[in-house]
């Protein structure tokens, strides 16, 4: 398994977060949390999100509700 922090330096600017099911996602904009997933305002968020767990075997976060990480930028 790969730690999410190990692949973040290679990602496009945006946000990453793990959902309640242990799947990691990349979002182009900061998502908000529902009871079981992260969504983007103005849509369901998964239209623009990329399921990075489909590409990498990423270790789960200890607490999915605290998994949101900003990628790149300042």
PDB file of N, CA and C in Angstrom:
ATOM      1  N   UNK A   1       0.833  -1.200   0.000  1.00  0.00           N
ATOM      2  CA  UNK A   1       0.000   0.000   0.000  1.00  0.00           C
ATOM      3  C   UNK A   1       0.870   1.254   0.000  1.00  0.00           C
ATOM      4  N   UNK A   2       0.367   2.263  -0.665  1.00  0.00           N
ATOM      5  CA  UNK A   2       1.058   3.548  -0.758  1.00  0.00           C
ATOM      6  C   UNK A   2       0.376   4.535   0.184  1.00  0.00           C
ATOM      7  N   UNK A   3       1.172   5.364   0.826  1.00  0.00           N
ATOM      8  CA  UNK A   3       0.624   6.435   1.652  1.00  0.00           C
ATOM      9  C   UNK A   3       0.224   7.571   0.727  1.00  0.00           C
ATOM     10  N   UNK A   4      -0.928   8.166   0.952  1.00  0.00           N
ATOM     11  CA  UNK A   4      -1.415   9.268   0.108  1.00  0.00           C
ATOM     12  C   UNK A   4      -0.385  10.397   0.021  1.00  0.00           C
ATOM     13  N   UNK A   5       0.345  10.623   1.092  1.00  0.00           N
ATOM     14  CA  UNK A   5       1.345  11.700   1.104  1.00  0.00           C
ATOM     15  C   UNK A   5       2.484  11.428   0.116  1.00  0.00           C
ATOM     16  N   UNK A   6       2.713  10.165  -0.223  1.00  0.00           N
ATOM     17  CA  UNK A   6       3.789   9.816  -1.156  1.00  0.00           C
ATOM     18  C   UNK A   6       3.446  10.162  -2.603  1.00  0.00           C
ATOM     19  N   UNK A   7       2.157  10.214  -2.940  1.00  0.00           N
ATOM     20  CA  UNK A   7       1.796  10.511  -4.333  1.00  0.00           C
ATOM     21  C   UNK A   7       1.276  11.932  -4.541  1.00  0.00           C
ATOM     22  N   UNK A   8       0.970  12.640  -3.471  1.00  0.00           N
ATOM     23  CA  UNK A   8       0.480  14.018  -3.592  1.00  0.00           C
ATOM     24  C   UNK A   8       1.434  14.925  -4.381  1.00  0.00           C
ATOM     25  N   UNK A   9       2.755  14.828  -4.192  1.00  0.00           N
ATOM     26  CA  UNK A   9       3.647  15.722  -4.958  1.00  0.00           C
ATOM     27  C   UNK A   9       3.549  15.557  -6.473  1.00  0.00           C
ATOM     28  N   UNK A  10       2.996  14.460  -6.950  1.00  0.00           N
ATOM     29  CA  UNK A  10       2.892  14.194  -8.378  1.00  0.00           C
ATOM     30  C   UNK A  10       1.509  14.518  -8.948  1.00  0.00           C
ATOM     31  N   UNK A  11       0.619  15.017  -8.107  1.00  0.00           N
ATOM     32  CA  UNK A  11      -0.753  15.306  -8.530  1.00  0.00           C
ATOM     33  C   UNK A  11      -0.922  16.755  -8.976  1.00  0.00           C
ATOM     34  N   UNK A  12      -1.919  16.942  -9.827  1.00  0.00           N
ATOM     35  CA  UNK A  12      -2.349  18.270 -10.251  1.00  0.00           C
ATOM     36  C   UNK A  12      -2.968  18.989  -9.050  1.00  0.00           C
ATOM     37  N   UNK A  13      -2.861  20.318  -9.011  1.00  0.00           N
ATOM     38  CA  UNK A  13      -3.455  21.099  -7.917  1.00  0.00           C
ATOM     39  C   UNK A  13      -4.937  20.765  -7.766  1.00  0.00           C
ATOM     40  N   UNK A  14      -5.389  20.712  -6.548  1.00  0.00           N
ATOM     41  CA  UNK A  14      -6.789  20.395  -6.242  1.00  0.00           C
ATOM     42  C   UNK A  14      -6.897  19.933  -4.802  1.00  0.00           C
ATOM     43  N   UNK A  15      -7.690  18.925  -4.571  1.00  0.00           N
ATOM     44  CA  UNK A  15      -7.928  18.378  -3.228  1.00  0.00           C
ATOM     45  C   UNK A  15      -8.048  16.872  -3.317  1.00  0.00           C
ATOM     46  N   UNK A  16      -7.608  16.173  -2.281  1.00  0.00           N
ATOM     47  CA  UNK A  16      -7.834  14.733  -2.186  1.00  0.00           C
ATOM     48  C   UNK A  16      -8.536  14.446  -0.868  1.00  0.00           C
ATOM     49  N   UNK A  17      -9.354  13.407  -0.888  1.00  0.00           N
ATOM     50  CA  UNK A  17     -10.056  12.992   0.325  1.00  0.00           C
ATOM     51  C   UNK A  17     -10.496  11.540   0.168  1.00  0.00           C
ATOM     52  N   UNK A  18     -10.631  10.867   1.304  1.00  0.00           N
ATOM     53  CA  UNK A  18     -11.122   9.503   1.317  1.00  0.00           C
ATOM     54  C   UNK A  18     -12.584   9.509   1.748  1.00  0.00           C
ATOM     55  N   UNK A  19     -13.410   8.691   1.095  1.00  0.00           N
ATOM     56  CA  UNK A  19     -14.808   8.603   1.510  1.00  0.00           C
ATOM     57  C   UNK A  19     -14.982   7.534   2.590  1.00  0.00           C
ATOM     58  N   UNK A  20     -16.189   7.398   3.082  1.00  0.00           N
ATOM     59  CA  UNK A  20     -16.481   6.463   4.178  1.00  0.00           C
ATOM     60  C   UNK A  20     -16.161   5.018   3.803  1.00  0.00           C
ATOM     61  N   UNK A  21     -16.173   4.716   2.509  1.00  0.00           N
ATOM     62  CA  UNK A  21     -15.898   3.352   2.039  1.00  0.00           C
ATOM     63  C   UNK A  21     -14.405   3.074   1.855  1.00  0.00           C
ATOM     64  N   UNK A  22     -13.564   4.061   2.166  1.00  0.00           N
ATOM     65  CA  UNK A  22     -12.122   3.872   2.054  1.00  0.00           C
ATOM     66  C   UNK A  22     -11.549   4.166   0.680  1.00  0.00           C
ATOM     67  N   UNK A  23     -12.353   4.748  -0.200  1.00  0.00           N
ATOM     68  CA  UNK A  23     -11.894   5.107  -1.546  1.00  0.00           C
ATOM     69  C   UNK A  23     -11.355   6.534  -1.554  1.00  0.00           C
ATOM     70  N   UNK A  24     -10.189   6.725  -2.146  1.00  0.00           N
ATOM     71  CA  UNK A  24      -9.587   8.051  -2.267  1.00  0.00           C
ATOM     72  C   UNK A  24     -10.006   8.687  -3.577  1.00  0.00           C
ATOM     73  N   UNK A  25     -10.277  10.005  -3.534  1.00  0.00           N
ATOM     74  CA  UNK A  25     -10.722  10.786  -4.693  1.00  0.00           C
ATOM     75  C   UNK A  25      -9.905  12.060  -4.810  1.00  0.00           C
ATOM     76  N   UNK A  26      -9.676  12.500  -6.043  1.00  0.00           N
ATOM     77  CA  UNK A  26      -9.088  13.814  -6.317  1.00  0.00           C
ATOM     78  C   UNK A  26     -10.210  14.708  -6.820  1.00  0.00           C
ATOM     79  N   UNK A  27     -10.251  15.951  -6.313  1.00  0.00           N
ATOM     80  CA  UNK A  27     -11.263  16.938  -6.699  1.00  0.00           C
ATOM     81  C   UNK A  27     -10.574  18.197  -7.223  1.00  0.00           C
ATOM     82  N   UNK A  28     -11.126  18.832  -8.256  1.00  0.00           N
ATOM     83  CA  UNK A  28     -10.525  20.059  -8.771  1.00  0.00           C
ATOM     84  C   UNK A  28     -10.778  21.267  -7.864  1.00  0.00           C
ATOM     85  N   UNK A  29     -11.816  21.207  -7.034  1.00  0.00           N
ATOM     86  CA  UNK A  29     -12.167  22.284  -6.105  1.00  0.00           C
ATOM     87  C   UNK A  29     -12.413  21.689  -4.725  1.00  0.00           C
ATOM     88  N   UNK A  30     -12.375  22.528  -3.706  1.00  0.00           N
ATOM     89  CA  UNK A  30     -12.571  22.023  -2.346  1.00  0.00           C
ATOM     90  C   UNK A  30     -13.987  21.450  -2.181  1.00  0.00           C
ATOM     91  N   UNK A  31     -14.074  20.179  -1.814  1.00  0.00           N
ATOM     92  CA  UNK A  31     -15.390  19.554  -1.623  1.00  0.00           C
ATOM     93  C   UNK A  31     -15.908  19.793  -0.209  1.00  0.00           C
ATOM     94  N   UNK A  32     -17.179  19.471   0.009  1.00  0.00           N
ATOM     95  CA  UNK A  32     -17.744  19.497   1.361  1.00  0.00           C
ATOM     96  C   UNK A  32     -18.176  18.078   1.717  1.00  0.00           C
ATOM     97  N   UNK A  33     -18.281  17.802   3.001  1.00  0.00           N
ATOM     98  CA  UNK A  33     -18.569  16.470   3.488  1.00  0.00           C
ATOM     99  C   UNK A  33     -20.059  16.265   3.738  1.00  0.00           C
ATOM    100  N   UNK A  34     -20.560  15.090   3.327  1.00  0.00           N
ATOM    101  CA  UNK A  34     -21.907  14.657   3.695  1.00  0.00           C
ATOM    102  C   UNK A  34     -21.718  13.537   4.724  1.00  0.00           C
ATOM    103  N   UNK A  35     -22.739  12.776   4.993  1.00  0.00           N
ATOM    104  CA  UNK A  35     -22.615  11.709   5.990  1.00  0.00           C
ATOM    105  C   UNK A  35     -21.744  10.539   5.542  1.00  0.00           C
ATOM    106  N   UNK A  36     -21.453  10.442   4.253  1.00  0.00           N
ATOM    107  CA  UNK A  36     -20.632   9.313   3.811  1.00  0.00           C
ATOM    108  C   UNK A  36     -19.685   9.603   2.644  1.00  0.00           C
ATOM    109  N   UNK A  37     -19.700  10.841   2.131  1.00  0.00           N
ATOM    110  CA  UNK A  37     -18.831  11.150   1.002  1.00  0.00           C
ATOM    111  C   UNK A  37     -18.528  12.640   0.926  1.00  0.00           C
ATOM    112  N   UNK A  38     -17.661  12.994  -0.009  1.00  0.00           N
ATOM    113  CA  UNK A  38     -17.303  14.378  -0.281  1.00  0.00           C
ATOM    114  C   UNK A  38     -17.946  14.787  -1.594  1.00  0.00           C
ATOM    115  N   UNK A  39     -18.508  15.984  -1.641  1.00  0.00           N
ATOM    116  CA  UNK A  39     -19.171  16.478  -2.845  1.00  0.00           C
ATOM    117  C   UNK A  39     -18.692  17.882  -3.193  1.00  0.00           C
ATOM    118  N   UNK A  40     -18.876  18.255  -4.459  1.00  0.00           N
ATOM    119  CA  UNK A  40     -18.573  19.614  -4.885  1.00  0.00           C
ATOM    120  C   UNK A  40     -19.855  20.419  -4.934  1.00  0.00           C
ATOM    121  N   UNK A  41     -19.778  21.670  -4.583  1.00  0.00           N
ATOM    122  CA  UNK A  41     -20.959  22.544  -4.647  1.00  0.00           C
ATOM    123  C   UNK A  41     -21.418  22.686  -6.097  1.00  0.00           C
ATOM    124  N   UNK A  42     -22.722  22.732  -6.289  1.00  0.00           N
ATOM    125  CA  UNK A  42     -23.269  22.901  -7.627  1.00  0.00           C
ATOM    126  C   UNK A  42     -23.365  21.615  -8.427  1.00  0.00           C
ATOM    127  N   UNK A  43     -23.138  20.498  -7.797  1.00  0.00           N
ATOM    128  CA  UNK A  43     -23.221  19.200  -8.480  1.00  0.00           C
ATOM    129  C   UNK A  43     -22.852  18.103  -7.522  1.00  0.00           C
ATOM    130  N   UNK A  44     -22.848  16.898  -8.004  1.00  0.00           N
ATOM    131  CA  UNK A  44     -22.538  15.815  -7.086  1.00  0.00           C
ATOM    132  C   UNK A  44     -21.044  15.650  -6.860  1.00  0.00           C
ATOM    133  N   UNK A  45     -20.219  16.351  -7.618  1.00  0.00           N
ATOM    134  CA  UNK A  45     -18.779  16.322  -7.386  1.00  0.00           C
ATOM    135  C   UNK A  45     -18.062  15.187  -8.076  1.00  0.00           C
ATOM    136  N   UNK A  46     -18.726  14.076  -8.259  1.00  0.00           N
ATOM    137  CA  UNK A  46     -18.048  12.946  -8.864  1.00  0.00           C
ATOM    138  C   UNK A  46     -18.007  13.042 -10.381  1.00  0.00           C
ATOM    139  N   UNK A  47     -18.707  14.030 -10.965  1.00  0.00           N
ATOM    140  CA  UNK A  47     -18.598  14.251 -12.401  1.00  0.00           C
ATOM    141  C   UNK A  47     -17.201  14.765 -12.753  1.00  0.00           C
ATOM    142  N   UNK A  48     -16.594  15.520 -11.837  1.00  0.00           N
ATOM    143  CA  UNK A  48     -15.269  16.082 -12.073  1.00  0.00           C
ATOM    144  C   UNK A  48     -14.201  15.413 -11.224  1.00  0.00           C
ATOM    145  N   UNK A  49     -14.589  14.589 -10.279  1.00  0.00           N
ATOM    146  CA  UNK A  49     -13.636  13.932  -9.395  1.00  0.00           C
ATOM    147  C   UNK A  49     -13.006  12.721 -10.085  1.00  0.00           C
ATOM    148  N   UNK A  50     -11.808  12.378  -9.649  1.00  0.00           N
ATOM    149  CA  UNK A  50     -11.105  11.223 -10.201  1.00  0.00           C
ATOM    150  C   UNK A  50     -10.889  10.217  -9.069  1.00  0.00           C
ATOM    151  N   UNK A  51     -11.310   8.968  -9.274  1.00  0.00           N
ATOM    152  CA  UNK A  51     -11.145   7.944  -8.243  1.00  0.00           C
ATOM    153  C   UNK A  51      -9.713   7.407  -8.236  1.00  0.00           C
ATOM    154  N   UNK A  52      -8.847   8.004  -7.447  1.00  0.00           N
ATOM    155  CA  UNK A  52      -7.435   7.609  -7.478  1.00  0.00           C
ATOM    156  C   UNK A  52      -7.195   6.240  -6.845  1.00  0.00           C
ATOM    157  N   UNK A  53      -8.132   5.751  -6.039  1.00  0.00           N
ATOM    158  CA  UNK A  53      -7.991   4.395  -5.493  1.00  0.00           C
ATOM    159  C   UNK A  53      -8.094   3.343  -6.592  1.00  0.00           C
ATOM    160  N   UNK A  54      -8.673   3.689  -7.726  1.00  0.00           N
ATOM    161  CA  UNK A  54      -8.738   2.755  -8.857  1.00  0.00           C
ATOM    162  C   UNK A  54      -7.364   2.589  -9.510  1.00  0.00           C
ATOM    163  N   UNK A  55      -6.479   3.575  -9.297  1.00  0.00           N
ATOM    164  CA  UNK A  55      -5.167   3.544  -9.938  1.00  0.00           C
ATOM    165  C   UNK A  55      -4.054   3.092  -9.003  1.00  0.00           C
ATOM    166  N   UNK A  56      -4.220   3.364  -7.709  1.00  0.00           N
ATOM    167  CA  UNK A  56      -3.194   3.054  -6.718  1.00  0.00           C
ATOM    168  C   UNK A  56      -3.821   2.345  -5.526  1.00  0.00           C
ATOM    169  N   UNK A  57      -3.053   1.488  -4.881  1.00  0.00           N
ATOM    170  CA  UNK A  57      -3.480   0.832  -3.650  1.00  0.00           C
ATOM    171  C   UNK A  57      -3.062   1.747  -2.497  1.00  0.00           C
ATOM    172  N   UNK A  58      -3.961   2.647  -2.114  1.00  0.00           N
ATOM    173  CA  UNK A  58      -3.644   3.684  -1.132  1.00  0.00           C
ATOM    174  C   UNK A  58      -4.121   3.269   0.256  1.00  0.00           C
ATOM    175  N   UNK A  59      -3.251   3.440   1.231  1.00  0.00           N
ATOM    176  CA  UNK A  59      -3.595   3.109   2.617  1.00  0.00           C
ATOM    177  C   UNK A  59      -4.742   4.000   3.083  1.00  0.00           C
ATOM    178  N   UNK A  60      -5.652   3.439   3.864  1.00  0.00           N
ATOM    179  CA  UNK A  60      -6.773   4.250   4.355  1.00  0.00           C
ATOM    180  C   UNK A  60      -6.328   5.255   5.411  1.00  0.00           C
ATOM    181  N   UNK A  61      -7.078   6.339   5.514  1.00  0.00           N
ATOM    182  CA  UNK A  61      -6.855   7.327   6.571  1.00  0.00           C
ATOM    183  C   UNK A  61      -7.416   6.764   7.874  1.00  0.00           C
ATOM    184  N   UNK A  62      -6.902   7.223   8.991  1.00  0.00           N
ATOM    185  CA  UNK A  62      -7.429   6.791  10.285  1.00  0.00           C
ATOM    186  C   UNK A  62      -8.885   7.210  10.453  1.00  0.00           C
ATOM    187  N   UNK A  63      -9.215   8.398   9.966  1.00  0.00           N
ATOM    188  CA  UNK A  63     -10.569   8.946  10.096  1.00  0.00           C
ATOM    189  C   UNK A  63     -10.922   9.632   8.772  1.00  0.00           C
ATOM    190  N   UNK A  64     -11.837   9.056   8.017  1.00  0.00           N
ATOM    191  CA  UNK A  64     -12.156   9.599   6.690  1.00  0.00           C
ATOM    192  C   UNK A  64     -12.653  11.028   6.766  1.00  0.00           C
ATOM    193  N   UNK A  65     -13.285  11.421   7.881  1.00  0.00           N
ATOM    194  CA  UNK A  65     -13.825  12.776   8.012  1.00  0.00           C
ATOM    195  C   UNK A  65     -12.727  13.821   8.158  1.00  0.00           C
ATOM    196  N   UNK A  66     -11.501  13.367   8.415  1.00  0.00           N
ATOM    197  CA  UNK A  66     -10.369  14.284   8.561  1.00  0.00           C
ATOM    198  C   UNK A  66      -9.331  14.064   7.462  1.00  0.00           C
ATOM    199  N   UNK A  67      -9.762  13.447   6.360  1.00  0.00           N
ATOM    200  CA  UNK A  67      -8.814  13.070   5.306  1.00  0.00           C
ATOM    201  C   UNK A  67      -8.599  14.125   4.234  1.00  0.00           C
ATOM    202  N   UNK A  68      -9.355  15.197   4.241  1.00  0.00           N
ATOM    203  CA  UNK A  68      -9.255  16.218   3.195  1.00  0.00           C
ATOM    204  C   UNK A  68      -7.887  16.898   3.224  1.00  0.00           C
ATOM    205  N   UNK A  69      -7.228  16.895   2.062  1.00  0.00           N
ATOM    206  CA  UNK A  69      -5.892  17.471   1.933  1.00  0.00           C
ATOM    207  C   UNK A  69      -5.846  18.344   0.679  1.00  0.00           C
ATOM    208  N   UNK A  70      -5.311  19.549   0.815  1.00  0.00           N
ATOM    209  CA  UNK A  70      -5.117  20.429  -0.343  1.00  0.00           C
ATOM    210  C   UNK A  70      -3.864  19.974  -1.082  1.00  0.00           C
ATOM    211  N   UNK A  71      -3.944  19.920  -2.402  1.00  0.00           N
ATOM    212  CA  UNK A  71      -2.816  19.506  -3.236  1.00  0.00           C
ATOM    213  C   UNK A  71      -2.313  20.712  -4.007  1.00  0.00           C
ATOM    214  N   UNK A  72      -1.033  21.029  -3.840  1.00  0.00           N
ATOM    215  CA  UNK A  72      -0.416  22.133  -4.574  1.00  0.00           C
ATOM    216  C   UNK A  72      -0.903  23.485  -4.106  1.00  0.00           C
ATOM    217  N   UNK A  73      -0.657  24.491  -4.938  1.00  0.00           N
ATOM    218  CA  UNK A  73      -1.071  25.847  -4.597  1.00  0.00           C
ATOM    219  C   UNK A  73      -0.344  26.383  -3.389  1.00  0.00           C
ATOM    220  N   UNK A  74      -0.905  27.432  -2.822  1.00  0.00           N
ATOM    221  CA  UNK A  74      -0.276  28.052  -1.641  1.00  0.00           C
ATOM    222  C   UNK A  74      -1.177  27.999  -0.459  1.00  0.00           C
TER     223      UNK A  74
END
